[in-house]
């Protein structure tokens, strides 16, 4: 993975996007102090990450629904929270 400062990324923005888009590079953007603050990744990587997150969410929902306990309606739940 390539690292560059925010200043470098800003100064070479078009080149940075081309490296990510056409070469598939992943670029980590950091502050001058060296703290990583963001990443520029190809769309395929982002789509994969979103699919993984969706899968984990579905698994968590299935697990929660399988747990024993009293179910309440959405309306009752909102009322309990004062919404």
PDB file of N, CA and C in Angstrom:
ATOM      1  N   UNK A   1       0.837  -1.173   0.000  1.00  0.00           N
ATOM      2  CA  UNK A   1       0.000   0.000   0.000  1.00  0.00           C
ATOM      3  C   UNK A   1       0.885   1.240   0.000  1.00  0.00           C
ATOM      4  N   UNK A   2       0.456   2.226  -0.730  1.00  0.00           N
ATOM      5  CA  UNK A   2       1.193   3.476  -0.849  1.00  0.00           C
ATOM      6  C   UNK A   2       0.665   4.461   0.186  1.00  0.00           C
ATOM      7  N   UNK A   3       1.564   5.237   0.779  1.00  0.00           N
ATOM      8  CA  UNK A   3       1.163   6.282   1.721  1.00  0.00           C
ATOM      9  C   UNK A   3       1.607   7.621   1.161  1.00  0.00           C
ATOM     10  N   UNK A   4       0.759   8.631   1.343  1.00  0.00           N
ATOM     11  CA  UNK A   4       1.153   9.980   0.970  1.00  0.00           C
ATOM     12  C   UNK A   4       0.464  10.971   1.891  1.00  0.00           C
ATOM     13  N   UNK A   5       1.069  12.121   2.016  1.00  0.00           N
ATOM     14  CA  UNK A   5       0.477  13.145   2.868  1.00  0.00           C
ATOM     15  C   UNK A   5      -0.745  13.735   2.164  1.00  0.00           C
ATOM     16  N   UNK A   6      -1.583  14.380   2.952  1.00  0.00           N
ATOM     17  CA  UNK A   6      -2.762  15.035   2.392  1.00  0.00           C
ATOM     18  C   UNK A   6      -2.343  16.104   1.384  1.00  0.00           C
ATOM     19  N   UNK A   7      -1.257  16.782   1.668  1.00  0.00           N
ATOM     20  CA  UNK A   7      -0.759  17.807   0.751  1.00  0.00           C
ATOM     21  C   UNK A   7      -0.365  17.190  -0.589  1.00  0.00           C
ATOM     22  N   UNK A   8       0.357  16.070  -0.552  1.00  0.00           N
ATOM     23  CA  UNK A   8       0.746  15.385  -1.792  1.00  0.00           C
ATOM     24  C   UNK A   8      -0.488  14.928  -2.568  1.00  0.00           C
ATOM     25  N   UNK A   9      -1.450  14.367  -1.846  1.00  0.00           N
ATOM     26  CA  UNK A   9      -2.670  13.884  -2.497  1.00  0.00           C
ATOM     27  C   UNK A   9      -3.415  15.038  -3.160  1.00  0.00           C
ATOM     28  N   UNK A  10      -3.474  16.186  -2.480  1.00  0.00           N
ATOM     29  CA  UNK A  10      -4.160  17.354  -3.029  1.00  0.00           C
ATOM     30  C   UNK A  10      -3.412  17.899  -4.250  1.00  0.00           C
ATOM     31  N   UNK A  11      -2.101  18.001  -4.158  1.00  0.00           N
ATOM     32  CA  UNK A  11      -1.308  18.555  -5.258  1.00  0.00           C
ATOM     33  C   UNK A  11      -1.330  17.666  -6.498  1.00  0.00           C
ATOM     34  N   UNK A  12      -1.469  16.362  -6.281  1.00  0.00           N
ATOM     35  CA  UNK A  12      -1.431  15.400  -7.394  1.00  0.00           C
ATOM     36  C   UNK A  12      -2.742  14.610  -7.460  1.00  0.00           C
ATOM     37  N   UNK A  13      -3.855  15.316  -7.256  1.00  0.00           N
ATOM     38  CA  UNK A  13      -5.148  14.640  -7.131  1.00  0.00           C
ATOM     39  C   UNK A  13      -5.501  13.801  -8.358  1.00  0.00           C
ATOM     40  N   UNK A  14      -5.370  14.367  -9.547  1.00  0.00           N
ATOM     41  CA  UNK A  14      -5.725  13.630 -10.769  1.00  0.00           C
ATOM     42  C   UNK A  14      -4.859  12.384 -10.914  1.00  0.00           C
ATOM     43  N   UNK A  15      -3.560  12.517 -10.650  1.00  0.00           N
ATOM     44  CA  UNK A  15      -2.650  11.373 -10.736  1.00  0.00           C
ATOM     45  C   UNK A  15      -3.000  10.326  -9.685  1.00  0.00           C
ATOM     46  N   UNK A  16      -3.344  10.790  -8.496  1.00  0.00           N
ATOM     47  CA  UNK A  16      -3.722   9.866  -7.413  1.00  0.00           C
ATOM     48  C   UNK A  16      -4.946   9.051  -7.824  1.00  0.00           C
ATOM     49  N   UNK A  17      -5.952   9.737  -8.368  1.00  0.00           N
ATOM     50  CA  UNK A  17      -7.159   9.027  -8.814  1.00  0.00           C
ATOM     51  C   UNK A  17      -6.857   8.044  -9.939  1.00  0.00           C
ATOM     52  N   UNK A  18      -5.991   8.436 -10.859  1.00  0.00           N
ATOM     53  CA  UNK A  18      -5.630   7.538 -11.958  1.00  0.00           C
ATOM     54  C   UNK A  18      -4.895   6.298 -11.451  1.00  0.00           C
ATOM     55  N   UNK A  19      -4.001   6.481 -10.490  1.00  0.00           N
ATOM     56  CA  UNK A  19      -3.276   5.337  -9.927  1.00  0.00           C
ATOM     57  C   UNK A  19      -4.244   4.346  -9.293  1.00  0.00           C
ATOM     58  N   UNK A  20      -5.248   4.884  -8.613  1.00  0.00           N
ATOM     59  CA  UNK A  20      -6.235   4.022  -7.959  1.00  0.00           C
ATOM     60  C   UNK A  20      -7.152   3.385  -8.997  1.00  0.00           C
ATOM     61  N   UNK A  21      -7.650   4.191  -9.905  1.00  0.00           N
ATOM     62  CA  UNK A  21      -8.631   3.720 -10.876  1.00  0.00           C
ATOM     63  C   UNK A  21      -8.046   2.748 -11.894  1.00  0.00           C
ATOM     64  N   UNK A  22      -6.898   3.080 -12.463  1.00  0.00           N
ATOM     65  CA  UNK A  22      -6.366   2.275 -13.559  1.00  0.00           C
ATOM     66  C   UNK A  22      -5.363   1.211 -13.122  1.00  0.00           C
ATOM     67  N   UNK A  23      -4.633   1.476 -12.066  1.00  0.00           N
ATOM     68  CA  UNK A  23      -3.635   0.510 -11.604  1.00  0.00           C
ATOM     69  C   UNK A  23      -4.117  -0.330 -10.428  1.00  0.00           C
ATOM     70  N   UNK A  24      -5.244   0.081  -9.831  1.00  0.00           N
ATOM     71  CA  UNK A  24      -5.772  -0.672  -8.697  1.00  0.00           C
ATOM     72  C   UNK A  24      -5.002  -0.458  -7.402  1.00  0.00           C
ATOM     73  N   UNK A  25      -4.219   0.618  -7.337  1.00  0.00           N
ATOM     74  CA  UNK A  25      -3.448   0.893  -6.121  1.00  0.00           C
ATOM     75  C   UNK A  25      -4.386   1.330  -4.999  1.00  0.00           C
ATOM     76  N   UNK A  26      -3.964   1.077  -3.791  1.00  0.00           N
ATOM     77  CA  UNK A  26      -4.643   1.568  -2.593  1.00  0.00           C
ATOM     78  C   UNK A  26      -3.718   2.600  -1.972  1.00  0.00           C
ATOM     79  N   UNK A  27      -4.246   3.789  -1.758  1.00  0.00           N
ATOM     80  CA  UNK A  27      -3.411   4.870  -1.249  1.00  0.00           C
ATOM     81  C   UNK A  27      -3.951   5.347   0.094  1.00  0.00           C
ATOM     82  N   UNK A  28      -3.089   5.317   1.094  1.00  0.00           N
ATOM     83  CA  UNK A  28      -3.439   5.806   2.431  1.00  0.00           C
ATOM     84  C   UNK A  28      -2.973   7.243   2.527  1.00  0.00           C
ATOM     85  N   UNK A  29      -3.885   8.110   2.927  1.00  0.00           N
ATOM     86  CA  UNK A  29      -3.568   9.530   3.074  1.00  0.00           C
ATOM     87  C   UNK A  29      -3.351   9.811   4.556  1.00  0.00           C
ATOM     88  N   UNK A  30      -2.232  10.485   4.842  1.00  0.00           N
ATOM     89  CA  UNK A  30      -1.902  10.762   6.242  1.00  0.00           C
ATOM     90  C   UNK A  30      -1.641  12.249   6.442  1.00  0.00           C
ATOM     91  N   UNK A  31      -1.714  12.658   7.691  1.00  0.00           N
ATOM     92  CA  UNK A  31      -1.378  14.036   8.060  1.00  0.00           C
ATOM     93  C   UNK A  31       0.136  14.163   8.118  1.00  0.00           C
ATOM     94  N   UNK A  32       0.617  15.385   8.245  1.00  0.00           N
ATOM     95  CA  UNK A  32       2.060  15.600   8.327  1.00  0.00           C
ATOM     96  C   UNK A  32       2.683  14.849   9.492  1.00  0.00           C
ATOM     97  N   UNK A  33       1.965  14.723  10.591  1.00  0.00           N
ATOM     98  CA  UNK A  33       2.495  14.010  11.745  1.00  0.00           C
ATOM     99  C   UNK A  33       2.551  12.506  11.555  1.00  0.00           C
ATOM    100  N   UNK A  34       2.044  12.022  10.435  1.00  0.00           N
ATOM    101  CA  UNK A  34       2.105  10.597  10.148  1.00  0.00           C
ATOM    102  C   UNK A  34       0.839   9.832  10.479  1.00  0.00           C
ATOM    103  N   UNK A  35      -0.195  10.520  11.006  1.00  0.00           N
ATOM    104  CA  UNK A  35      -1.433   9.827  11.361  1.00  0.00           C
ATOM    105  C   UNK A  35      -2.269   9.574  10.108  1.00  0.00           C
ATOM    106  N   UNK A  36      -2.609   8.304   9.873  1.00  0.00           N
ATOM    107  CA  UNK A  36      -3.451   7.931   8.736  1.00  0.00           C
ATOM    108  C   UNK A  36      -4.861   8.467   8.963  1.00  0.00           C
ATOM    109  N   UNK A  37      -5.423   9.129   7.951  1.00  0.00           N
ATOM    110  CA  UNK A  37      -6.747   9.728   8.102  1.00  0.00           C
ATOM    111  C   UNK A  37      -7.767   9.237   7.080  1.00  0.00           C
ATOM    112  N   UNK A  38      -7.301   8.700   5.959  1.00  0.00           N
ATOM    113  CA  UNK A  38      -8.237   8.252   4.925  1.00  0.00           C
ATOM    114  C   UNK A  38      -7.515   7.317   3.970  1.00  0.00           C
ATOM    115  N   UNK A  39      -8.310   6.679   3.125  1.00  0.00           N
ATOM    116  CA  UNK A  39      -7.740   5.822   2.091  1.00  0.00           C
ATOM    117  C   UNK A  39      -8.510   6.047   0.800  1.00  0.00           C
ATOM    118  N   UNK A  40      -7.797   6.003  -0.293  1.00  0.00           N
ATOM    119  CA  UNK A  40      -8.411   6.067  -1.616  1.00  0.00           C
ATOM    120  C   UNK A  40      -8.235   4.674  -2.208  1.00  0.00           C
ATOM    121  N   UNK A  41      -9.367   4.034  -2.487  1.00  0.00           N
ATOM    122  CA  UNK A  41      -9.321   2.644  -2.955  1.00  0.00           C
ATOM    123  C   UNK A  41     -10.150   2.495  -4.225  1.00  0.00           C
ATOM    124  N   UNK A  42      -9.857   1.471  -5.028  1.00  0.00           N
ATOM    125  CA  UNK A  42     -10.667   1.225  -6.229  1.00  0.00           C
ATOM    126  C   UNK A  42     -12.123   0.908  -5.853  1.00  0.00           C
ATOM    127  N   UNK A  43     -13.031   1.214  -6.750  1.00  0.00           N
ATOM    128  CA  UNK A  43     -14.451   0.959  -6.511  1.00  0.00           C
ATOM    129  C   UNK A  43     -14.729  -0.515  -6.235  1.00  0.00           C
ATOM    130  N   UNK A  44     -13.994  -1.409  -6.888  1.00  0.00           N
ATOM    131  CA  UNK A  44     -14.187  -2.843  -6.633  1.00  0.00           C
ATOM    132  C   UNK A  44     -13.924  -3.171  -5.167  1.00  0.00           C
ATOM    133  N   UNK A  45     -12.904  -2.548  -4.579  1.00  0.00           N
ATOM    134  CA  UNK A  45     -12.600  -2.765  -3.165  1.00  0.00           C
ATOM    135  C   UNK A  45     -13.731  -2.256  -2.278  1.00  0.00           C
ATOM    136  N   UNK A  46     -14.248  -1.072  -2.605  1.00  0.00           N
ATOM    137  CA  UNK A  46     -15.338  -0.504  -1.821  1.00  0.00           C
ATOM    138  C   UNK A  46     -16.582  -1.372  -1.919  1.00  0.00           C
ATOM    139  N   UNK A  47     -16.907  -1.833  -3.112  1.00  0.00           N
ATOM    140  CA  UNK A  47     -18.076  -2.691  -3.296  1.00  0.00           C
ATOM    141  C   UNK A  47     -17.931  -3.990  -2.505  1.00  0.00           C
ATOM    142  N   UNK A  48     -16.738  -4.567  -2.495  1.00  0.00           N
ATOM    143  CA  UNK A  48     -16.492  -5.776  -1.715  1.00  0.00           C
ATOM    144  C   UNK A  48     -16.676  -5.498  -0.225  1.00  0.00           C
ATOM    145  N   UNK A  49     -16.152  -4.386   0.247  1.00  0.00           N
ATOM    146  CA  UNK A  49     -16.298  -4.011   1.649  1.00  0.00           C
ATOM    147  C   UNK A  49     -17.770  -3.845   2.008  1.00  0.00           C
ATOM    148  N   UNK A  50     -18.538  -3.214   1.142  1.00  0.00           N
ATOM    149  CA  UNK A  50     -19.964  -3.033   1.409  1.00  0.00           C
ATOM    150  C   UNK A  50     -20.700  -4.371   1.450  1.00  0.00           C
ATOM    151  N   UNK A  51     -20.343  -5.296   0.555  1.00  0.00           N
ATOM    152  CA  UNK A  51     -20.966  -6.620   0.563  1.00  0.00           C
ATOM    153  C   UNK A  51     -20.642  -7.368   1.858  1.00  0.00           C
ATOM    154  N   UNK A  52     -19.392  -7.258   2.307  1.00  0.00           N
ATOM    155  CA  UNK A  52     -19.005  -7.910   3.557  1.00  0.00           C
ATOM    156  C   UNK A  52     -19.768  -7.329   4.738  1.00  0.00           C
ATOM    157  N   UNK A  53     -19.895  -6.012   4.772  1.00  0.00           N
ATOM    158  CA  UNK A  53     -20.649  -5.366   5.848  1.00  0.00           C
ATOM    159  C   UNK A  53     -22.110  -5.795   5.821  1.00  0.00           C
ATOM    160  N   UNK A  54     -22.710  -5.861   4.636  1.00  0.00           N
ATOM    161  CA  UNK A  54     -24.101  -6.302   4.517  1.00  0.00           C
ATOM    162  C   UNK A  54     -24.260  -7.731   5.018  1.00  0.00           C
ATOM    163  N   UNK A  55     -23.302  -8.579   4.677  1.00  0.00           N
ATOM    164  CA  UNK A  55     -23.365  -9.982   5.114  1.00  0.00           C
ATOM    165  C   UNK A  55     -23.283 -10.072   6.638  1.00  0.00           C
ATOM    166  N   UNK A  56     -22.367  -9.315   7.229  1.00  0.00           N
ATOM    167  CA  UNK A  56     -22.250  -9.314   8.692  1.00  0.00           C
ATOM    168  C   UNK A  56     -23.520  -8.784   9.350  1.00  0.00           C
ATOM    169  N   UNK A  57     -24.128  -7.763   8.745  1.00  0.00           N
ATOM    170  CA  UNK A  57     -25.384  -7.229   9.280  1.00  0.00           C
ATOM    171  C   UNK A  57     -26.488  -8.273   9.224  1.00  0.00           C
ATOM    172  N   UNK A  58     -26.593  -8.988   8.087  1.00  0.00           N
ATOM    173  CA  UNK A  58     -27.616 -10.034   7.968  1.00  0.00           C
ATOM    174  C   UNK A  58     -27.410 -11.135   9.003  1.00  0.00           C
ATOM    175  N   UNK A  59     -26.156 -11.532   9.207  1.00  0.00           N
ATOM    176  CA  UNK A  59     -25.861 -12.565  10.200  1.00  0.00           C
ATOM    177  C   UNK A  59     -26.226 -12.092  11.600  1.00  0.00           C
ATOM    178  N   UNK A  60     -25.954 -10.846  11.920  1.00  0.00           N
ATOM    179  CA  UNK A  60     -26.291 -10.304  13.236  1.00  0.00           C
ATOM    180  C   UNK A  60     -27.804 -10.252  13.430  1.00  0.00           C
ATOM    181  N   UNK A  61     -28.526  -9.906  12.376  1.00  0.00           N
ATOM    182  CA  UNK A  61     -29.988  -9.865  12.450  1.00  0.00           C
ATOM    183  C   UNK A  61     -30.538 -11.263  12.673  1.00  0.00           C
ATOM    184  N   UNK A  62     -30.021 -12.231  11.922  1.00  0.00           N
ATOM    185  CA  UNK A  62     -30.497 -13.606  12.079  1.00  0.00           C
ATOM    186  C   UNK A  62     -30.223 -14.121  13.486  1.00  0.00           C
ATOM    187  N   UNK A  63     -29.065 -13.795  14.020  1.00  0.00           N
ATOM    188  CA  UNK A  63     -28.717 -14.218  15.371  1.00  0.00           C
ATOM    189  C   UNK A  63     -29.648 -13.570  16.387  1.00  0.00           C
ATOM    190  N   UNK A  64     -29.911 -12.285  16.225  1.00  0.00           N
ATOM    191  CA  UNK A  64     -30.787 -11.579  17.156  1.00  0.00           C
ATOM    192  C   UNK A  64     -32.204 -12.127  17.095  1.00  0.00           C
ATOM    193  N   UNK A  65     -32.684 -12.442  15.893  1.00  0.00           N
ATOM    194  CA  UNK A  65     -34.036 -12.982  15.762  1.00  0.00           C
ATOM    195  C   UNK A  65     -34.156 -14.382  16.351  1.00  0.00           C
ATOM    196  N   UNK A  66     -33.057 -15.120  16.371  1.00  0.00           N
ATOM    197  CA  UNK A  66     -33.081 -16.476  16.913  1.00  0.00           C
ATOM    198  C   UNK A  66     -33.014 -16.498  18.438  1.00  0.00           C
ATOM    199  N   UNK A  67     -32.637 -15.373  19.048  1.00  0.00           N
ATOM    200  CA  UNK A  67     -32.528 -15.328  20.509  1.00  0.00           C
ATOM    201  C   UNK A  67     -33.923 -15.384  21.128  1.00  0.00           C
ATOM    202  N   UNK A  68     -34.024 -16.133  22.227  1.00  0.00           N
ATOM    203  CA  UNK A  68     -35.319 -16.181  22.898  1.00  0.00           C
ATOM    204  C   UNK A  68     -35.615 -14.831  23.563  1.00  0.00           C
ATOM    205  N   UNK A  69     -36.874 -14.575  23.749  1.00  0.00           N
ATOM    206  CA  UNK A  69     -37.251 -13.329  24.409  1.00  0.00           C
ATOM    207  C   UNK A  69     -38.540 -12.795  23.839  1.00  0.00           C
ATOM    208  N   UNK A  70     -39.061 -11.835  24.529  1.00  0.00           N
ATOM    209  CA  UNK A  70     -40.321 -11.240  24.118  1.00  0.00           C
ATOM    210  C   UNK A  70     -40.067 -10.243  22.988  1.00  0.00           C
ATOM    211  N   UNK A  71     -40.872 -10.337  21.961  1.00  0.00           N
ATOM    212  CA  UNK A  71     -40.760  -9.401  20.850  1.00  0.00           C
ATOM    213  C   UNK A  71     -41.782  -8.290  21.049  1.00  0.00           C
ATOM    214  N   UNK A  72     -41.403  -7.102  20.649  1.00  0.00           N
ATOM    215  CA  UNK A  72     -42.321  -5.968  20.735  1.00  0.00           C
ATOM    216  C   UNK A  72     -42.437  -5.326  19.357  1.00  0.00           C
ATOM    217  N   UNK A  73     -43.535  -4.655  19.149  1.00  0.00           N
ATOM    218  CA  UNK A  73     -43.744  -3.992  17.865  1.00  0.00           C
ATOM    219  C   UNK A  73     -42.828  -2.774  17.765  1.00  0.00           C
ATOM    220  N   UNK A  74     -42.653  -2.320  16.543  1.00  0.00           N
ATOM    221  CA  UNK A  74     -41.827  -1.131  16.303  1.00  0.00           C
ATOM    222  C   UNK A  74     -42.434   0.075  17.017  1.00  0.00           C
ATOM    223  N   UNK A  75     -43.754   0.185  16.949  1.00  0.00           N
ATOM    224  CA  UNK A  75     -44.455   1.300  17.596  1.00  0.00           C
ATOM    225  C   UNK A  75     -44.198   1.291  19.105  1.00  0.00           C
ATOM    226  N   UNK A  76     -44.283   0.116  19.728  1.00  0.00           N
ATOM    227  CA  UNK A  76     -44.028   0.001  21.171  1.00  0.00           C
ATOM    228  C   UNK A  76     -42.577   0.338  21.491  1.00  0.00           C
ATOM    229  N   UNK A  77     -41.670  -0.127  20.655  1.00  0.00           N
ATOM    230  CA  UNK A  77     -40.248   0.152  20.860  1.00  0.00           C
ATOM    231  C   UNK A  77     -39.975   1.653  20.811  1.00  0.00           C
ATOM    232  N   UNK A  78     -40.538   2.342  19.808  1.00  0.00           N
ATOM    233  CA  UNK A  78     -40.350   3.796  19.709  1.00  0.00           C
ATOM    234  C   UNK A  78     -40.957   4.502  20.921  1.00  0.00           C
ATOM    235  N   UNK A  79     -42.099   4.029  21.368  1.00  0.00           N
ATOM    236  CA  UNK A  79     -42.740   4.643  22.529  1.00  0.00           C
ATOM    237  C   UNK A  79     -41.887   4.476  23.772  1.00  0.00           C
ATOM    238  N   UNK A  80     -41.279   3.305  23.919  1.00  0.00           N
ATOM    239  CA  UNK A  80     -40.386   3.034  25.049  1.00  0.00           C
ATOM    240  C   UNK A  80     -39.204   4.005  25.048  1.00  0.00           C
ATOM    241  N   UNK A  81     -38.731   4.341  23.866  1.00  0.00           N
ATOM    242  CA  UNK A  81     -37.596   5.263  23.755  1.00  0.00           C
ATOM    243  C   UNK A  81     -38.032   6.733  23.804  1.00  0.00           C
ATOM    244  N   UNK A  82     -39.328   6.953  23.849  1.00  0.00           N
ATOM    245  CA  UNK A  82     -39.820   8.328  23.893  1.00  0.00           C
ATOM    246  C   UNK A  82     -39.773   9.028  22.547  1.00  0.00           C
ATOM    247  N   UNK A  83     -39.855   8.261  21.492  1.00  0.00           N
ATOM    248  CA  UNK A  83     -39.797   8.851  20.141  1.00  0.00           C
ATOM    249  C   UNK A  83     -41.159   9.007  19.537  1.00  0.00           C
TER     250      UNK A  83
END
